[in-house]
N, C-alpha and C. Protein backbone atom coordinates (compact mmCIF):
# COMPACT_ATOMS: atom_id res chain seq x y z
N MET A 1 0.70 -1.39 -0.52
CA MET A 1 0.04 0.62 0.33
C MET A 1 0.77 1.67 0.34
N SER A 2 0.67 1.95 -0.99
CA SER A 2 1.44 3.10 -0.87
C SER A 2 0.46 4.18 0.30
N ARG A 3 1.43 5.34 0.62
CA ARG A 3 1.34 6.69 1.67
C ARG A 3 0.93 7.10 1.17
N ALA A 4 -0.46 7.62 0.50
CA ALA A 4 -1.18 8.01 -0.09
C ALA A 4 -2.28 8.73 0.12
N ILE A 5 -3.18 10.26 0.24
CA ILE A 5 -4.41 10.30 0.19
C ILE A 5 -4.65 10.46 -0.98
N TYR A 6 -5.97 10.17 -1.52
CA TYR A 6 -6.30 10.45 -2.89
C TYR A 6 -7.37 10.81 -2.44
N LEU A 7 -8.09 11.61 -3.61
CA LEU A 7 -8.78 12.85 -3.49
C LEU A 7 -9.91 12.39 -4.16
N PHE A 8 -10.87 12.66 -4.75
CA PHE A 8 -11.85 11.89 -5.80
C PHE A 8 -12.67 12.95 -5.74
N ARG A 9 -13.06 13.60 -6.65
CA ARG A 9 -15.14 14.41 -6.75
C ARG A 9 -15.81 13.32 -7.77
N ASN A 10 -16.58 13.75 -7.55
CA ASN A 10 -18.19 12.65 -8.41
C ASN A 10 -18.36 13.91 -9.38
N ILE A 11 -17.98 13.45 -10.70
CA ILE A 11 -18.68 14.15 -12.03
C ILE A 11 -20.14 14.95 -12.22
N ARG A 12 -20.91 13.96 -11.54
CA ARG A 12 -22.30 14.86 -11.14
C ARG A 12 -23.09 15.33 -10.24
N THR A 13 -22.35 15.30 -9.24
CA THR A 13 -22.54 15.78 -8.45
C THR A 13 -21.60 16.96 -7.55
N LYS A 14 -20.38 16.76 -8.26
CA LYS A 14 -19.26 17.11 -7.82
C LYS A 14 -18.85 17.43 -6.18
N GLN A 15 -19.48 16.38 -5.76
CA GLN A 15 -18.54 15.96 -4.36
C GLN A 15 -17.50 15.67 -4.62
N VAL A 16 -16.92 15.67 -2.73
CA VAL A 16 -15.51 15.56 -2.70
C VAL A 16 -14.89 14.82 -1.29
N LEU A 17 -14.45 12.98 -1.87
CA LEU A 17 -14.38 12.22 -0.89
C LEU A 17 -12.95 11.48 -0.78
N ALA A 18 -12.14 11.88 0.02
CA ALA A 18 -10.84 11.30 0.56
C ALA A 18 -11.13 10.70 1.13
N SER A 19 -9.50 9.16 0.31
CA SER A 19 -9.50 7.72 0.51
C SER A 19 -7.73 6.99 1.05
N MET A 20 -7.39 5.99 1.57
CA MET A 20 -6.22 6.17 1.20
C MET A 20 -5.84 5.27 0.50
N ASP A 21 -7.12 4.95 -0.66
CA ASP A 21 -6.43 3.16 -1.11
C ASP A 21 -7.08 4.90 -2.95
N LYS A 22 -6.30 3.61 -3.80
CA LYS A 22 -6.89 4.72 -5.35
C LYS A 22 -8.47 3.82 -5.15
N THR A 23 -9.19 3.01 -4.67
CA THR A 23 -9.91 2.81 -5.19
C THR A 23 -11.26 3.69 -3.54
N LEU A 24 -12.72 4.15 -4.41
CA LEU A 24 -13.56 4.31 -3.00
C LEU A 24 -14.56 3.14 -2.80
N LEU A 25 -15.13 2.27 -3.99
CA LEU A 25 -15.59 0.85 -3.12
C LEU A 25 -14.53 0.39 -2.33
N SER A 26 -13.91 -0.01 -1.79
CA SER A 26 -13.68 -0.99 -1.00
C SER A 26 -14.21 -0.08 0.72
N HIS A 27 -14.21 1.47 0.96
CA HIS A 27 -14.50 2.32 1.77
C HIS A 27 -16.20 2.99 2.25
N GLU A 28 -17.31 1.95 2.03
CA GLU A 28 -18.31 2.98 1.70
C GLU A 28 -18.44 3.24 3.19
N ARG A 29 -18.12 3.28 3.89
CA ARG A 29 -18.41 3.92 5.62
C ARG A 29 -17.21 5.31 5.50
N LEU A 30 -16.79 5.18 4.73
CA LEU A 30 -16.00 6.46 5.09
C LEU A 30 -16.69 8.10 4.76
N ILE A 31 -17.86 7.23 3.62
CA ILE A 31 -19.24 8.85 2.83
C ILE A 31 -19.61 9.04 4.16
N ALA A 32 -19.91 8.18 5.01
CA ALA A 32 -20.73 8.30 6.56
C ALA A 32 -20.33 10.23 7.24
N GLY A 33 -18.36 9.78 7.47
CA GLY A 33 -17.20 10.61 8.08
C GLY A 33 -17.24 11.85 7.34
N GLN A 34 -17.37 11.32 6.22
CA GLN A 34 -17.58 12.96 5.58
C GLN A 34 -18.13 13.65 4.56
N VAL A 35 -19.18 12.96 5.01
CA VAL A 35 -21.03 13.71 4.16
C VAL A 35 -21.70 13.55 5.84
N PRO A 36 -21.57 14.57 6.74
CA PRO A 36 -22.36 14.96 7.82
C PRO A 36 -24.08 14.40 7.80
N GLN A 37 -24.33 15.47 6.20
CA GLN A 37 -26.03 15.27 6.02
C GLN A 37 -26.24 13.71 5.15
N GLN A 38 -27.43 13.68 5.97
CA GLN A 38 -28.02 12.09 5.23
C GLN A 38 -28.22 12.53 4.05
N PRO A 39 -28.94 13.20 4.24
CA PRO A 39 -29.82 13.53 2.38
C PRO A 39 -29.14 13.85 1.74
N LEU A 40 -27.88 14.25 1.80
CA LEU A 40 -26.44 15.00 1.03
C LEU A 40 -25.90 13.87 0.65
N ARG A 41 -25.34 12.72 1.09
CA ARG A 41 -24.80 11.62 0.67
C ARG A 41 -24.51 10.63 -0.81
N PRO A 42 -23.93 10.46 -0.87
CA PRO A 42 -23.91 10.02 -2.10
C PRO A 42 -24.70 8.36 -2.17
N GLN A 43 -25.61 7.93 -2.58
CA GLN A 43 -26.34 6.68 -2.64
C GLN A 43 -25.45 5.16 -2.47
N LYS A 44 -25.45 5.15 -3.30
CA LYS A 44 -23.63 3.82 -3.98
C LYS A 44 -22.89 4.79 -4.39
N ILE A 45 -21.58 4.00 -4.69
CA ILE A 45 -20.63 4.41 -5.55
C ILE A 45 -20.24 3.76 -6.45
N ARG A 46 -20.67 4.59 -7.39
CA ARG A 46 -20.64 3.83 -8.32
C ARG A 46 -18.93 4.45 -9.52
N PRO A 47 -18.40 2.92 -9.92
CA PRO A 47 -16.53 4.10 -10.14
C PRO A 47 -16.84 4.72 -11.39
N ASP A 48 -17.91 4.18 -11.86
CA ASP A 48 -18.15 5.59 -13.18
C ASP A 48 -18.24 6.72 -12.94
N HIS A 49 -18.76 7.00 -11.74
CA HIS A 49 -19.16 8.66 -11.58
C HIS A 49 -17.65 9.32 -10.24
N TRP A 50 -16.97 8.84 -9.97
CA TRP A 50 -15.35 8.93 -9.58
C TRP A 50 -14.76 9.54 -10.71
N THR A 51 -13.37 10.41 -10.41
CA THR A 51 -12.72 10.68 -10.68
C THR A 51 -12.03 11.41 -10.07
N PRO A 52 -10.36 11.13 -10.39
CA PRO A 52 -9.33 11.45 -9.54
C PRO A 52 -9.49 13.38 -9.19
N LEU A 53 -8.60 13.41 -8.08
CA LEU A 53 -9.14 15.04 -7.77
C LEU A 53 -7.73 15.57 -7.96
N ALA A 54 -7.29 15.00 -6.41
CA ALA A 54 -5.38 14.91 -6.81
C ALA A 54 -5.34 14.30 -5.47
N VAL A 55 -3.98 14.01 -5.29
CA VAL A 55 -2.62 13.18 -4.72
C VAL A 55 -1.74 13.54 -4.46
N LEU A 56 -2.27 13.06 -2.99
CA LEU A 56 -0.92 14.31 -1.60
C LEU A 56 -0.65 13.00 -1.38
N SER A 57 1.26 12.62 -1.98
CA SER A 57 2.45 11.96 -1.29
C SER A 57 3.24 11.73 -0.88
N GLY A 58 4.18 11.35 -0.21
CA GLY A 58 5.60 11.91 0.13
C GLY A 58 5.53 11.25 1.85
N PHE A 59 4.49 10.75 2.99
CA PHE A 59 4.65 10.76 3.89
C PHE A 59 5.53 9.34 4.00
N GLN A 60 6.15 9.72 5.43
CA GLN A 60 7.52 8.83 5.82
C GLN A 60 6.46 7.30 6.48
N THR A 61 5.60 7.60 7.27
CA THR A 61 4.67 7.27 8.59
C THR A 61 3.05 6.69 7.95
N ASP A 62 2.65 5.36 8.83
CA ASP A 62 2.10 5.57 8.81
C ASP A 62 0.92 6.31 9.28
N SER A 63 1.50 6.20 10.67
CA SER A 63 1.37 7.63 11.54
C SER A 63 0.91 8.97 10.89
N ALA A 64 2.03 9.66 10.09
CA ALA A 64 2.07 10.40 9.21
C ALA A 64 0.85 10.75 8.88
N LEU A 65 0.64 9.33 7.88
CA LEU A 65 -0.39 9.73 6.94
C LEU A 65 -1.96 9.37 7.62
N ASN A 66 -2.31 8.22 8.58
CA ASN A 66 -3.27 8.92 9.46
C ASN A 66 -3.94 10.61 9.91
N THR A 67 -2.64 10.58 10.27
CA THR A 67 -3.14 12.67 10.60
C THR A 67 -3.36 13.13 9.41
N ALA A 68 -2.17 13.09 8.80
CA ALA A 68 -2.48 13.63 7.39
C ALA A 68 -4.67 13.23 6.43
N PHE A 69 -4.69 12.35 6.85
CA PHE A 69 -6.22 12.19 5.71
C PHE A 69 -7.08 12.20 6.92
N SER A 70 -7.00 12.00 8.61
CA SER A 70 -8.58 12.81 9.33
C SER A 70 -8.61 13.92 9.37
N LEU A 71 -7.18 14.76 8.89
CA LEU A 71 -7.22 16.67 8.60
C LEU A 71 -7.97 16.96 7.50
N ALA A 72 -7.58 16.51 6.65
CA ALA A 72 -8.19 16.47 4.99
C ALA A 72 -9.33 15.99 4.84
N SER A 73 -10.07 15.18 4.89
CA SER A 73 -11.34 14.06 4.59
C SER A 73 -11.86 14.78 6.00
N MET A 74 -12.13 16.38 6.93
CA MET A 74 -13.31 16.60 7.63
C MET A 74 -13.90 17.53 6.63
N PRO A 75 -15.18 17.43 6.88
CA PRO A 75 -15.72 18.59 5.88
C PRO A 75 -14.89 19.68 5.84
N GLY A 76 -15.28 20.37 5.35
CA GLY A 76 -14.10 21.49 5.04
C GLY A 76 -15.50 22.76 4.76
N PHE A 77 -14.60 24.09 4.72
CA PHE A 77 -15.46 25.91 4.39
C PHE A 77 -14.46 26.06 3.67
N PRO A 78 -15.41 26.92 2.19
CA PRO A 78 -15.32 27.64 1.38
C PRO A 78 -13.62 28.73 1.78
N LEU A 79 -13.02 29.55 0.79
CA LEU A 79 -11.99 29.82 0.87
C LEU A 79 -12.15 30.69 1.52
N ARG A 80 -12.78 31.94 1.46
CA ARG A 80 -13.80 32.67 2.40
C ARG A 80 -15.09 32.78 1.63
N PRO A 81 -15.66 33.56 3.21
CA PRO A 81 -17.13 33.23 3.39
C PRO A 81 -18.09 34.00 2.12
N PRO A 82 -19.05 33.73 2.45
CA PRO A 82 -19.95 33.96 1.65
C PRO A 82 -20.22 35.69 1.99
N THR A 83 -20.60 36.77 1.00
CA THR A 83 -21.18 37.90 0.89
C THR A 83 -22.38 37.83 1.50
N ALA A 84 -22.80 39.34 1.91
CA ALA A 84 -23.60 39.57 1.82
C ALA A 84 -24.98 38.94 0.75
N GLN A 85 -24.43 39.52 -0.72
CA GLN A 85 -25.15 39.88 -1.53
C GLN A 85 -26.04 37.67 -1.95
N GLU A 86 -23.98 37.07 -1.93
CA GLU A 86 -24.69 35.31 -1.97
C GLU A 86 -25.30 35.16 -1.53
N GLN A 87 -25.19 35.02 0.38
CA GLN A 87 -26.05 34.94 0.58
C GLN A 87 -27.78 35.11 0.17
N HIS A 88 -27.70 36.57 0.24
CA HIS A 88 -28.89 36.64 0.08
C HIS A 88 -29.33 35.91 -1.16
N GLU A 89 -28.49 35.55 -2.03
CA GLU A 89 -29.36 34.82 -3.50
C GLU A 89 -29.51 34.07 -3.24
N TYR A 90 -28.82 33.18 -1.92
CA TYR A 90 -28.44 31.35 -2.04
C TYR A 90 -30.82 31.56 -1.07
N ARG A 91 -30.82 32.87 -0.30
CA ARG A 91 -31.75 32.39 0.80
C ARG A 91 -33.03 32.21 -0.69
N LEU A 92 -32.82 32.60 -1.74
CA LEU A 92 -33.81 33.05 -2.72
C LEU A 92 -33.90 31.52 -3.64
N LEU A 93 -33.03 31.26 -3.73
CA LEU A 93 -33.23 29.85 -4.58
C LEU A 93 -34.30 29.08 -3.91
N LYS A 94 -34.47 27.83 -4.92
CA LYS A 94 -35.57 27.14 -4.74
C LYS A 94 -34.51 25.68 -4.03
N ASN A 95 -35.20 25.17 -3.33
CA ASN A 95 -34.71 24.40 -3.04
C ASN A 95 -34.41 22.84 -3.82
N LYS A 96 -34.15 22.47 -4.10
CA LYS A 96 -33.90 21.71 -5.29
C LYS A 96 -32.41 22.24 -6.10
N HIS A 97 -32.22 23.90 -6.46
CA HIS A 97 -30.91 24.55 -6.57
C HIS A 97 -30.50 24.72 -5.73
N LYS A 98 -31.19 24.96 -4.59
CA LYS A 98 -30.00 25.25 -3.00
C LYS A 98 -29.67 23.48 -2.75
N ARG A 99 -30.01 22.50 -2.51
CA ARG A 99 -29.53 21.51 -2.19
C ARG A 99 -28.29 20.22 -3.29
N LEU A 100 -28.51 21.13 -4.95
CA LEU A 100 -27.63 21.21 -5.92
C LEU A 100 -26.27 22.36 -5.48
N ARG A 101 -26.40 23.20 -4.91
CA ARG A 101 -25.19 24.08 -4.44
C ARG A 101 -23.99 23.42 -3.52
N ASP A 102 -25.13 22.79 -2.53
CA ASP A 102 -24.99 22.17 -0.91
C ASP A 102 -23.75 21.36 -1.67
N LEU A 103 -24.12 20.30 -2.70
CA LEU A 103 -23.69 19.40 -3.31
C LEU A 103 -22.28 19.44 -3.27
N ASP A 104 -21.63 20.74 -4.22
CA ASP A 104 -20.42 21.33 -4.54
C ASP A 104 -20.09 21.81 -3.49
N THR A 105 -18.98 20.49 -3.17
CA THR A 105 -17.95 20.40 -2.45
C THR A 105 -16.43 20.59 -2.71
N THR A 106 -16.58 20.41 -3.19
CA THR A 106 -15.13 20.95 -4.36
C THR A 106 -13.98 21.79 -4.44
N GLU A 107 -14.09 22.84 -3.90
CA GLU A 107 -14.07 24.27 -3.15
C GLU A 107 -13.78 24.43 -1.27
N ARG A 108 -14.62 23.47 -0.99
CA ARG A 108 -14.35 23.48 1.02
C ARG A 108 -13.20 22.20 0.85
N GLN A 109 -13.73 21.27 -0.70
CA GLN A 109 -12.05 20.39 -0.02
C GLN A 109 -10.91 20.74 -0.04
N VAL A 110 -11.13 21.04 -0.97
CA VAL A 110 -9.89 21.97 -2.02
C VAL A 110 -9.10 22.79 -0.27
N ALA A 111 -10.19 23.35 -0.16
CA ALA A 111 -10.14 24.41 1.34
C ALA A 111 -9.73 24.12 2.60
N GLN A 112 -9.91 22.14 2.59
CA GLN A 112 -9.96 21.65 3.86
C GLN A 112 -7.78 21.26 3.55
N LEU A 113 -8.11 20.64 2.26
CA LEU A 113 -6.52 20.44 1.68
C LEU A 113 -5.56 21.43 2.25
N ALA A 114 -5.50 22.47 1.72
CA ALA A 114 -5.06 23.38 1.84
C ALA A 114 -4.47 23.93 3.27
N ARG A 115 -5.87 24.21 4.61
CA ARG A 115 -5.63 24.34 5.45
C ARG A 115 -4.81 23.38 6.60
N SER A 116 -4.65 21.63 5.48
CA SER A 116 -4.78 20.92 7.06
C SER A 116 -3.15 20.59 6.75
N LEU A 117 -2.94 21.12 4.92
CA LEU A 117 -1.43 21.37 5.02
C LEU A 117 -1.05 22.37 5.93
N ILE A 118 -1.32 24.33 5.95
CA ILE A 118 -0.61 24.97 6.50
C ILE A 118 -0.67 24.67 8.34
N TYR A 119 -1.75 24.18 8.22
CA TYR A 119 -1.61 23.23 10.35
C TYR A 119 -0.14 22.53 9.98
N MET A 120 0.47 21.87 9.39
CA MET A 120 0.99 20.40 9.57
C MET A 120 2.78 21.17 9.22
N ASP A 121 2.21 22.48 9.14
CA ASP A 121 3.10 23.29 8.47
C ASP A 121 4.04 23.87 9.68
N HIS A 122 2.28 24.94 10.40
CA HIS A 122 3.07 25.77 11.50
C HIS A 122 2.97 24.80 13.00
N THR A 123 2.59 23.39 12.97
CA THR A 123 2.38 23.10 13.70
C THR A 123 4.73 21.95 13.84
N SER A 124 4.57 22.28 12.91
CA SER A 124 6.60 21.58 12.75
C SER A 124 6.57 19.36 12.94
N SER A 125 4.53 19.06 12.69
CA SER A 125 4.23 18.02 12.91
C SER A 125 4.96 16.91 12.19
N HIS A 126 4.99 15.80 12.98
CA HIS A 126 5.15 14.64 12.59
C HIS A 126 5.20 14.61 10.97
N VAL A 127 3.96 14.59 10.71
CA VAL A 127 2.76 14.52 9.29
C VAL A 127 4.54 14.70 7.99
N VAL A 128 4.49 16.52 8.68
CA VAL A 128 5.58 17.08 7.45
C VAL A 128 6.96 15.74 7.23
N PRO A 129 7.75 15.18 5.94
CA PRO A 129 8.65 15.18 6.47
C PRO A 129 9.58 15.74 6.18
N LYS A 130 10.65 15.30 7.38
CA LYS A 130 12.50 15.89 7.70
C LYS A 130 12.84 16.40 6.27
N GLU A 131 13.26 15.28 6.20
CA GLU A 131 12.98 15.19 4.75
C GLU A 131 12.98 14.96 3.38
N GLY A 132 12.38 15.20 1.82
CA GLY A 132 11.94 15.78 1.26
C GLY A 132 10.54 16.30 1.53
N LYS A 133 9.66 16.22 0.28
CA LYS A 133 8.28 17.12 0.25
C LYS A 133 7.29 16.42 0.15
N LEU A 134 6.00 16.69 0.71
CA LEU A 134 5.06 16.10 -0.09
C LEU A 134 4.49 16.23 -1.10
N LYS A 135 4.24 15.94 -1.67
CA LYS A 135 4.13 16.33 -3.46
C LYS A 135 2.34 15.54 -3.52
N LEU A 136 1.96 16.82 -4.54
CA LEU A 136 0.65 17.31 -4.42
C LEU A 136 0.14 17.40 -6.21
N PHE A 137 -0.72 16.18 -6.69
CA PHE A 137 -0.95 16.10 -7.47
C PHE A 137 -2.00 16.14 -7.85
N TRP A 138 -2.34 16.76 -9.55
CA TRP A 138 -3.71 17.75 -9.20
C TRP A 138 -4.26 16.72 -11.14
N GLN A 139 -5.33 16.51 -11.01
CA GLN A 139 -6.14 16.31 -12.17
C GLN A 139 -6.61 17.36 -13.01
N ASP A 140 -6.69 18.58 -12.27
CA ASP A 140 -6.53 19.80 -13.56
C ASP A 140 -6.68 21.01 -13.00
N ARG A 141 -6.44 21.57 -13.72
CA ARG A 141 -5.01 22.89 -13.27
C ARG A 141 -5.55 23.59 -12.13
N GLN A 142 -6.60 24.05 -12.67
CA GLN A 142 -7.82 24.90 -12.06
C GLN A 142 -7.20 25.11 -10.98
N TRP A 143 -7.13 24.03 -9.84
CA TRP A 143 -6.88 24.03 -8.63
C TRP A 143 -6.00 24.55 -7.67
N ILE A 144 -4.89 23.99 -8.96
CA ILE A 144 -3.11 24.87 -8.09
C ILE A 144 -3.37 26.20 -7.22
N GLY A 145 -4.04 27.09 -8.26
CA GLY A 145 -4.05 28.20 -7.91
C GLY A 145 -4.23 28.74 -6.33
N LYS A 146 -5.91 27.72 -6.34
CA LYS A 146 -6.84 28.07 -5.01
C LYS A 146 -5.96 27.50 -3.80
N VAL A 147 -4.94 26.59 -3.97
CA VAL A 147 -4.02 26.26 -2.71
C VAL A 147 -2.56 27.15 -2.76
N GLU A 148 -2.35 27.76 -3.16
CA GLU A 148 -1.78 28.66 -2.74
C GLU A 148 -2.09 30.16 -3.04
N ASP A 149 -3.29 30.20 -3.15
CA ASP A 149 -3.52 31.77 -2.34
C ASP A 149 -4.34 31.70 -0.95
N ALA A 150 -4.74 30.17 -0.75
CA ALA A 150 -5.01 30.09 0.80
C ALA A 150 -3.88 29.79 1.49
N TRP A 151 -2.46 29.26 1.26
CA TRP A 151 -1.18 29.53 1.65
C TRP A 151 -0.63 30.58 1.36
N ALA A 152 -0.76 31.92 0.79
CA ALA A 152 -0.42 33.34 1.15
C ALA A 152 -1.47 33.31 2.17
N GLN A 153 -2.23 33.34 2.50
CA GLN A 153 -3.53 34.22 3.22
C GLN A 153 -2.65 33.75 4.48
N VAL A 154 -2.14 32.67 5.62
CA VAL A 154 -2.09 32.76 6.67
C VAL A 154 -0.46 33.26 7.56
N PRO A 155 -0.42 34.02 7.78
CA PRO A 155 0.66 34.39 8.57
C PRO A 155 1.54 34.15 8.81
N ARG A 156 2.90 33.91 7.97
CA ARG A 156 3.72 33.16 8.18
C ARG A 156 4.91 33.56 10.27
N VAL A 157 5.39 32.54 10.64
CA VAL A 157 5.62 32.45 11.93
C VAL A 157 6.68 31.09 11.49
N ASP A 158 8.23 32.04 12.49
CA ASP A 158 9.06 31.93 12.33
C ASP A 158 9.60 31.35 13.62
N ARG A 159 10.07 29.67 13.11
CA ARG A 159 10.28 28.19 13.86
C ARG A 159 11.17 28.89 14.60
N ALA A 160 11.84 28.97 15.80
CA ALA A 160 12.64 29.13 16.64
C ALA A 160 13.88 27.38 16.78
């Protein structure tokens, strides 16, 4: 088993799930922890509906992998809070369209991945390897800038 975290994105609903395996089919119980609201959970995991979003590799120990996975698989929040205008527009949507917007967790999970990397870097945890670096491979290049923007928004702390 490789030491990597795989993020998968649903092509229809744009939901994102994290896994420590290259496939989601063997871990249906992961859904309950990553999608807390029952109505928003996918009914079944079909392999033809899920595509890779990102792969984070380079962990040196299994405990480092487990710590990073628990941080990255938590339900995330957007990179920036919605404005008052966006909140007003959301309230005016029909319930069907609200659910479709709530299903789209791609930006939230990418933001959560960025936050977990920032947290691991600032705390100098055992997750970040001392030699070598964590490697992040993206399926779609549009998300690269999002993580870098989130990384730049956090103030740097000098480690003594």
